[in-house]
Amino acid sequence: MWVSKPIYESLPYFYLLSGAIALIASMYLNHWYWPTICFVVGLGSLVGGLVVLLKRRDHRIHDRRASDTNDY
């Protein structure tokens, strides 16, 4: 699946924002299992957003180093 560049670049920030919102919601909800559900979804979204963000950064740094050494 191909996504336009602005959407692709903003996805990790969307994951982080939705995770933070879900964690905040877990503090204020008290019906049924919603606090637990929101906490798990929020924590998963935060971890997923950080993983995607850090993996992209590491890959871009590695690609930049590889292209610098092959410019001879």
PDB file of N, CA and C in Angstrom:
ATOM      1  N   MET A   1       0.842  -1.174   0.000  1.00  0.00           N
ATOM      2  CA  MET A   1       0.000   0.000   0.000  1.00  0.00           C
ATOM      3  C   MET A   1       0.894   1.247   0.000  1.00  0.00           C
ATOM      4  N   TRP A   2       0.642   2.147  -0.899  1.00  0.00           N
ATOM      5  CA  TRP A   2       1.409   3.379  -0.997  1.00  0.00           C
ATOM      6  C   TRP A   2       0.620   4.524  -0.389  1.00  0.00           C
ATOM      7  N   VAL A   3       1.308   5.343   0.384  1.00  0.00           N
ATOM      8  CA  VAL A   3       0.695   6.490   1.040  1.00  0.00           C
ATOM      9  C   VAL A   3       1.526   7.711   0.668  1.00  0.00           C
ATOM     10  N   SER A   4       0.867   8.855   0.521  1.00  0.00           N
ATOM     11  CA  SER A   4       1.607  10.058   0.166  1.00  0.00           C
ATOM     12  C   SER A   4       2.600  10.419   1.278  1.00  0.00           C
ATOM     13  N   LYS A   5       3.650  11.120   0.902  1.00  0.00           N
ATOM     14  CA  LYS A   5       4.751  11.412   1.823  1.00  0.00           C
ATOM     15  C   LYS A   5       4.310  12.179   3.078  1.00  0.00           C
ATOM     16  N   PRO A   6       3.462  13.212   2.974  1.00  0.00           N
ATOM     17  CA  PRO A   6       3.063  13.908   4.210  1.00  0.00           C
ATOM     18  C   PRO A   6       2.322  12.995   5.197  1.00  0.00           C
ATOM     19  N   ILE A   7       1.491  12.106   4.681  1.00  0.00           N
ATOM     20  CA  ILE A   7       0.783  11.188   5.569  1.00  0.00           C
ATOM     21  C   ILE A   7       1.766  10.187   6.162  1.00  0.00           C
ATOM     22  N   TYR A   8       2.653   9.662   5.340  1.00  0.00           N
ATOM     23  CA  TYR A   8       3.648   8.686   5.792  1.00  0.00           C
ATOM     24  C   TYR A   8       4.533   9.276   6.888  1.00  0.00           C
ATOM     25  N   GLU A   9       4.956  10.512   6.716  1.00  0.00           N
ATOM     26  CA  GLU A   9       5.845  11.142   7.696  1.00  0.00           C
ATOM     27  C   GLU A   9       5.126  11.482   8.995  1.00  0.00           C
ATOM     28  N   SER A  10       3.820  11.704   8.951  1.00  0.00           N
ATOM     29  CA  SER A  10       3.096  12.098  10.156  1.00  0.00           C
ATOM     30  C   SER A  10       2.536  10.915  10.944  1.00  0.00           C
ATOM     31  N   LEU A  11       2.599   9.705  10.415  1.00  0.00           N
ATOM     32  CA  LEU A  11       2.027   8.550  11.106  1.00  0.00           C
ATOM     33  C   LEU A  11       2.617   8.290  12.492  1.00  0.00           C
ATOM     34  N   PRO A  12       3.939   8.326  12.698  1.00  0.00           N
ATOM     35  CA  PRO A  12       4.440   8.090  14.070  1.00  0.00           C
ATOM     36  C   PRO A  12       3.918   9.123  15.068  1.00  0.00           C
ATOM     37  N   TYR A  13       3.786  10.370  14.638  1.00  0.00           N
ATOM     38  CA  TYR A  13       3.271  11.402  15.537  1.00  0.00           C
ATOM     39  C   TYR A  13       1.789  11.175  15.835  1.00  0.00           C
ATOM     40  N   PHE A  14       1.052  10.665  14.854  1.00  0.00           N
ATOM     41  CA  PHE A  14      -0.338  10.308  15.078  1.00  0.00           C
ATOM     42  C   PHE A  14      -0.443   9.178  16.091  1.00  0.00           C
ATOM     43  N   TYR A  15       0.429   8.173  15.971  1.00  0.00           N
ATOM     44  CA  TYR A  15       0.439   7.078  16.931  1.00  0.00           C
ATOM     45  C   TYR A  15       0.739   7.599  18.339  1.00  0.00           C
ATOM     46  N   LEU A  16       1.719   8.471  18.460  1.00  0.00           N
ATOM     47  CA  LEU A  16       2.071   9.016  19.767  1.00  0.00           C
ATOM     48  C   LEU A  16       0.928   9.843  20.355  1.00  0.00           C
ATOM     49  N   LEU A  17       0.292  10.651  19.528  1.00  0.00           N
ATOM     50  CA  LEU A  17      -0.814  11.485  19.996  1.00  0.00           C
ATOM     51  C   LEU A  17      -2.004  10.631  20.412  1.00  0.00           C
ATOM     52  N   SER A  18      -2.345   9.642  19.598  1.00  0.00           N
ATOM     53  CA  SER A  18      -3.478   8.787  19.959  1.00  0.00           C
ATOM     54  C   SER A  18      -3.166   7.978  21.217  1.00  0.00           C
ATOM     55  N   GLY A  19      -1.926   7.571  21.398  1.00  0.00           N
ATOM     56  CA  GLY A  19      -1.542   6.867  22.617  1.00  0.00           C
ATOM     57  C   GLY A  19      -1.667   7.746  23.846  1.00  0.00           C
ATOM     58  N   ALA A  20      -1.240   8.993  23.724  1.00  0.00           N
ATOM     59  CA  ALA A  20      -1.349   9.916  24.854  1.00  0.00           C
ATOM     60  C   ALA A  20      -2.817  10.192  25.182  1.00  0.00           C
ATOM     61  N   ILE A  21      -3.640  10.355  24.170  1.00  0.00           N
ATOM     62  CA  ILE A  21      -5.075  10.589  24.399  1.00  0.00           C
ATOM     63  C   ILE A  21      -5.712   9.380  25.069  1.00  0.00           C
ATOM     64  N   ALA A  22      -5.347   8.186  24.625  1.00  0.00           N
ATOM     65  CA  ALA A  22      -5.911   6.975  25.234  1.00  0.00           C
ATOM     66  C   ALA A  22      -5.460   6.827  26.690  1.00  0.00           C
ATOM     67  N   LEU A  23      -4.216   7.169  26.986  1.00  0.00           N
ATOM     68  CA  LEU A  23      -3.753   7.091  28.373  1.00  0.00           C
ATOM     69  C   LEU A  23      -4.469   8.101  29.262  1.00  0.00           C
ATOM     70  N   ILE A  24      -4.680   9.290  28.738  1.00  0.00           N
ATOM     71  CA  ILE A  24      -5.420  10.301  29.501  1.00  0.00           C
ATOM     72  C   ILE A  24      -6.859   9.857  29.697  1.00  0.00           C
ATOM     73  N   ALA A  25      -7.454   9.276  28.661  1.00  0.00           N
ATOM     74  CA  ALA A  25      -8.831   8.787  28.777  1.00  0.00           C
ATOM     75  C   ALA A  25      -8.940   7.677  29.806  1.00  0.00           C
ATOM     76  N   SER A  26      -7.901   6.861  29.933  1.00  0.00           N
ATOM     77  CA  SER A  26      -7.954   5.767  30.905  1.00  0.00           C
ATOM     78  C   SER A  26      -8.032   6.283  32.339  1.00  0.00           C
ATOM     79  N   MET A  27      -7.563   7.502  32.579  1.00  0.00           N
ATOM     80  CA  MET A  27      -7.647   8.065  33.927  1.00  0.00           C
ATOM     81  C   MET A  27      -9.055   8.554  34.254  1.00  0.00           C
ATOM     82  N   TYR A  28      -9.827   8.933  33.242  1.00  0.00           N
ATOM     83  CA  TYR A  28     -11.126   9.535  33.480  1.00  0.00           C
ATOM     84  C   TYR A  28     -12.303   8.591  33.269  1.00  0.00           C
ATOM     85  N   LEU A  29     -12.100   7.482  32.584  1.00  0.00           N
ATOM     86  CA  LEU A  29     -13.175   6.524  32.362  1.00  0.00           C
ATOM     87  C   LEU A  29     -13.249   5.557  33.533  1.00  0.00           C
ATOM     88  N   ASN A  30     -14.471   5.190  33.912  1.00  0.00           N
ATOM     89  CA  ASN A  30     -14.605   4.235  35.011  1.00  0.00           C
ATOM     90  C   ASN A  30     -15.771   3.279  34.776  1.00  0.00           C
ATOM     91  N   HIS A  31     -16.093   3.015  33.541  1.00  0.00           N
ATOM     92  CA  HIS A  31     -17.201   2.123  33.220  1.00  0.00           C
ATOM     93  C   HIS A  31     -16.672   0.844  32.591  1.00  0.00           C
ATOM     94  N   TRP A  32     -17.092  -0.294  33.128  1.00  0.00           N
ATOM     95  CA  TRP A  32     -16.749  -1.611  32.624  1.00  0.00           C
ATOM     96  C   TRP A  32     -15.234  -1.778  32.608  1.00  0.00           C
ATOM     97  N   TYR A  33     -14.633  -2.239  31.508  1.00  0.00           N
ATOM     98  CA  TYR A  33     -13.178  -2.428  31.414  1.00  0.00           C
ATOM     99  C   TYR A  33     -12.506  -1.331  30.586  1.00  0.00           C
ATOM    100  N   TRP A  34     -13.171  -0.222  30.355  1.00  0.00           N
ATOM    101  CA  TRP A  34     -12.614   0.824  29.498  1.00  0.00           C
ATOM    102  C   TRP A  34     -11.300   1.402  29.996  1.00  0.00           C
ATOM    103  N   PRO A  35     -11.107   1.583  31.293  1.00  0.00           N
ATOM    104  CA  PRO A  35      -9.785   2.085  31.716  1.00  0.00           C
ATOM    105  C   PRO A  35      -8.647   1.149  31.321  1.00  0.00           C
ATOM    106  N   THR A  36      -8.861  -0.146  31.485  1.00  0.00           N
ATOM    107  CA  THR A  36      -7.828  -1.119  31.124  1.00  0.00           C
ATOM    108  C   THR A  36      -7.612  -1.155  29.621  1.00  0.00           C
ATOM    109  N   ILE A  37      -8.697  -1.134  28.867  1.00  0.00           N
ATOM    110  CA  ILE A  37      -8.598  -1.145  27.403  1.00  0.00           C
ATOM    111  C   ILE A  37      -7.855   0.092  26.918  1.00  0.00           C
ATOM    112  N   CYS A  38      -8.231   1.257  27.430  1.00  0.00           N
ATOM    113  CA  CYS A  38      -7.568   2.503  27.012  1.00  0.00           C
ATOM    114  C   CYS A  38      -6.100   2.507  27.417  1.00  0.00           C
ATOM    115  N   PHE A  39      -5.796   1.973  28.584  1.00  0.00           N
ATOM    116  CA  PHE A  39      -4.402   1.943  29.029  1.00  0.00           C
ATOM    117  C   PHE A  39      -3.562   1.055  28.115  1.00  0.00           C
ATOM    118  N   VAL A  40      -4.069  -0.122  27.785  1.00  0.00           N
ATOM    119  CA  VAL A  40      -3.315  -1.046  26.931  1.00  0.00           C
ATOM    120  C   VAL A  40      -3.158  -0.476  25.526  1.00  0.00           C
ATOM    121  N   VAL A  41      -4.238   0.074  24.967  1.00  0.00           N
ATOM    122  CA  VAL A  41      -4.167   0.671  23.628  1.00  0.00           C
ATOM    123  C   VAL A  41      -3.229   1.877  23.632  1.00  0.00           C
ATOM    124  N   GLY A  42      -3.313   2.707  24.670  1.00  0.00           N
ATOM    125  CA  GLY A  42      -2.448   3.879  24.765  1.00  0.00           C
ATOM    126  C   GLY A  42      -0.984   3.514  24.885  1.00  0.00           C
ATOM    127  N   LEU A  43      -0.694   2.546  25.727  1.00  0.00           N
ATOM    128  CA  LEU A  43       0.689   2.119  25.882  1.00  0.00           C
ATOM    129  C   LEU A  43       1.217   1.481  24.598  1.00  0.00           C
ATOM    130  N   GLY A  44       0.398   0.667  23.962  1.00  0.00           N
ATOM    131  CA  GLY A  44       0.796   0.049  22.691  1.00  0.00           C
ATOM    132  C   GLY A  44       1.029   1.076  21.599  1.00  0.00           C
ATOM    133  N   SER A  45       0.175   2.086  21.543  1.00  0.00           N
ATOM    134  CA  SER A  45       0.339   3.132  20.532  1.00  0.00           C
ATOM    135  C   SER A  45       1.600   3.953  20.780  1.00  0.00           C
ATOM    136  N   LEU A  46       1.872   4.266  22.047  1.00  0.00           N
ATOM    137  CA  LEU A  46       3.094   5.013  22.363  1.00  0.00           C
ATOM    138  C   LEU A  46       4.337   4.213  22.004  1.00  0.00           C
ATOM    139  N   VAL A  47       4.354   2.953  22.360  1.00  0.00           N
ATOM    140  CA  VAL A  47       5.513   2.112  22.048  1.00  0.00           C
ATOM    141  C   VAL A  47       5.653   1.953  20.536  1.00  0.00           C
ATOM    142  N   GLY A  48       4.541   1.708  19.849  1.00  0.00           N
ATOM    143  CA  GLY A  48       4.585   1.567  18.391  1.00  0.00           C
ATOM    144  C   GLY A  48       5.067   2.833  17.701  1.00  0.00           C
ATOM    145  N   GLY A  49       4.576   3.991  18.143  1.00  0.00           N
ATOM    146  CA  GLY A  49       5.011   5.258  17.563  1.00  0.00           C
ATOM    147  C   GLY A  49       6.486   5.510  17.778  1.00  0.00           C
ATOM    148  N   LEU A  50       6.984   5.212  18.983  1.00  0.00           N
ATOM    149  CA  LEU A  50       8.407   5.396  19.251  1.00  0.00           C
ATOM    150  C   LEU A  50       9.267   4.440  18.442  1.00  0.00           C
ATOM    151  N   VAL A  51       8.813   3.195  18.307  1.00  0.00           N
ATOM    152  CA  VAL A  51       9.576   2.227  17.527  1.00  0.00           C
ATOM    153  C   VAL A  51       9.676   2.666  16.069  1.00  0.00           C
ATOM    154  N   VAL A  52       8.548   3.068  15.491  1.00  0.00           N
ATOM    155  CA  VAL A  52       8.552   3.505  14.086  1.00  0.00           C
ATOM    156  C   VAL A  52       9.440   4.732  13.916  1.00  0.00           C
ATOM    157  N   LEU A  53       9.309   5.700  14.820  1.00  0.00           N
ATOM    158  CA  LEU A  53      10.097   6.928  14.734  1.00  0.00           C
ATOM    159  C   LEU A  53      11.598   6.634  14.844  1.00  0.00           C
ATOM    160  N   LEU A  54      11.998   5.810  15.795  1.00  0.00           N
ATOM    161  CA  LEU A  54      13.421   5.504  15.980  1.00  0.00           C
ATOM    162  C   LEU A  54      13.966   4.629  14.858  1.00  0.00           C
ATOM    163  N   LYS A  55      13.175   3.679  14.373  1.00  0.00           N
ATOM    164  CA  LYS A  55      13.629   2.832  13.267  1.00  0.00           C
ATOM    165  C   LYS A  55      13.842   3.666  12.002  1.00  0.00           C
ATOM    166  N   ARG A  56      12.935   4.581  11.728  1.00  0.00           N
ATOM    167  CA  ARG A  56      13.104   5.455  10.552  1.00  0.00           C
ATOM    168  C   ARG A  56      14.351   6.296  10.686  1.00  0.00           C
ATOM    169  N   ARG A  57      14.564   6.857  11.876  1.00  0.00           N
ATOM    170  CA  ARG A  57      15.744   7.702  12.095  1.00  0.00           C
ATOM    171  C   ARG A  57      17.026   6.904  11.896  1.00  0.00           C
ATOM    172  N   ASP A  58      17.077   5.706  12.484  1.00  0.00           N
ATOM    173  CA  ASP A  58      18.270   4.878  12.342  1.00  0.00           C
ATOM    174  C   ASP A  58      18.504   4.471  10.893  1.00  0.00           C
ATOM    175  N   HIS A  59      17.439   4.137  10.187  1.00  0.00           N
ATOM    176  CA  HIS A  59      17.576   3.743   8.786  1.00  0.00           C
ATOM    177  C   HIS A  59      18.070   4.913   7.929  1.00  0.00           C
ATOM    178  N   ARG A  60      17.568   6.094   8.197  1.00  0.00           N
ATOM    179  CA  ARG A  60      17.990   7.261   7.419  1.00  0.00           C
ATOM    180  C   ARG A  60      19.442   7.613   7.708  1.00  0.00           C
ATOM    181  N   ILE A  61      19.857   7.485   8.950  1.00  0.00           N
ATOM    182  CA  ILE A  61      21.258   7.754   9.290  1.00  0.00           C
ATOM    183  C   ILE A  61      22.151   6.720   8.616  1.00  0.00           C
ATOM    184  N   HIS A  62      21.749   5.461   8.643  1.00  0.00           N
ATOM    185  CA  HIS A  62      22.532   4.398   8.013  1.00  0.00           C
ATOM    186  C   HIS A  62      22.612   4.609   6.500  1.00  0.00           C
ATOM    187  N   ASP A  63      21.502   4.978   5.871  1.00  0.00           N
ATOM    188  CA  ASP A  63      21.519   5.237   4.422  1.00  0.00           C
ATOM    189  C   ASP A  63      22.413   6.416   4.069  1.00  0.00           C
ATOM    190  N   ARG A  64      22.397   7.448   4.899  1.00  0.00           N
ATOM    191  CA  ARG A  64      23.226   8.614   4.642  1.00  0.00           C
ATOM    192  C   ARG A  64      24.698   8.260   4.739  1.00  0.00           C
ATOM    193  N   ARG A  65      25.066   7.436   5.731  1.00  0.00           N
ATOM    194  CA  ARG A  65      26.461   7.013   5.890  1.00  0.00           C
ATOM    195  C   ARG A  65      26.885   6.135   4.725  1.00  0.00           C
ATOM    196  N   ALA A  66      26.003   5.254   4.276  1.00  0.00           N
ATOM    197  CA  ALA A  66      26.316   4.354   3.168  1.00  0.00           C
ATOM    198  C   ALA A  66      26.504   5.140   1.871  1.00  0.00           C
ATOM    199  N   SER A  67      25.678   6.143   1.669  1.00  0.00           N
ATOM    200  CA  SER A  67      25.813   6.934   0.441  1.00  0.00           C
ATOM    201  C   SER A  67      27.048   7.815   0.490  1.00  0.00           C
ATOM    202  N   ASP A  68      27.471   8.248   1.673  1.00  0.00           N
ATOM    203  CA  ASP A  68      28.693   9.053   1.801  1.00  0.00           C
ATOM    204  C   ASP A  68      29.935   8.232   1.488  1.00  0.00           C
ATOM    205  N   THR A  69      29.952   6.970   1.862  1.00  0.00           N
ATOM    206  CA  THR A  69      31.133   6.145   1.627  1.00  0.00           C
ATOM    207  C   THR A  69      31.192   5.655   0.188  1.00  0.00           C
ATOM    208  N   ASN A  70      30.094   5.663  -0.537  1.00  0.00           N
ATOM    209  CA  ASN A  70      30.067   5.181  -1.933  1.00  0.00           C
ATOM    210  C   ASN A  70      30.207   6.293  -2.951  1.00  0.00           C
ATOM    211  N   ASP A  71      30.533   7.500  -2.524  1.00  0.00           N
ATOM    212  CA  ASP A  71      30.632   8.634  -3.446  1.00  0.00           C
ATOM    213  C   ASP A  71      31.998   8.750  -4.119  1.00  0.00           C
ATOM    214  N   TYR A  72      32.888   7.842  -3.923  1.00  0.00           N
ATOM    215  CA  TYR A  72      34.236   7.951  -4.473  1.00  0.00           C
ATOM    216  C   TYR A  72      34.191   7.936  -5.941  1.00  0.00           C
TER     217      TYR A  72
END
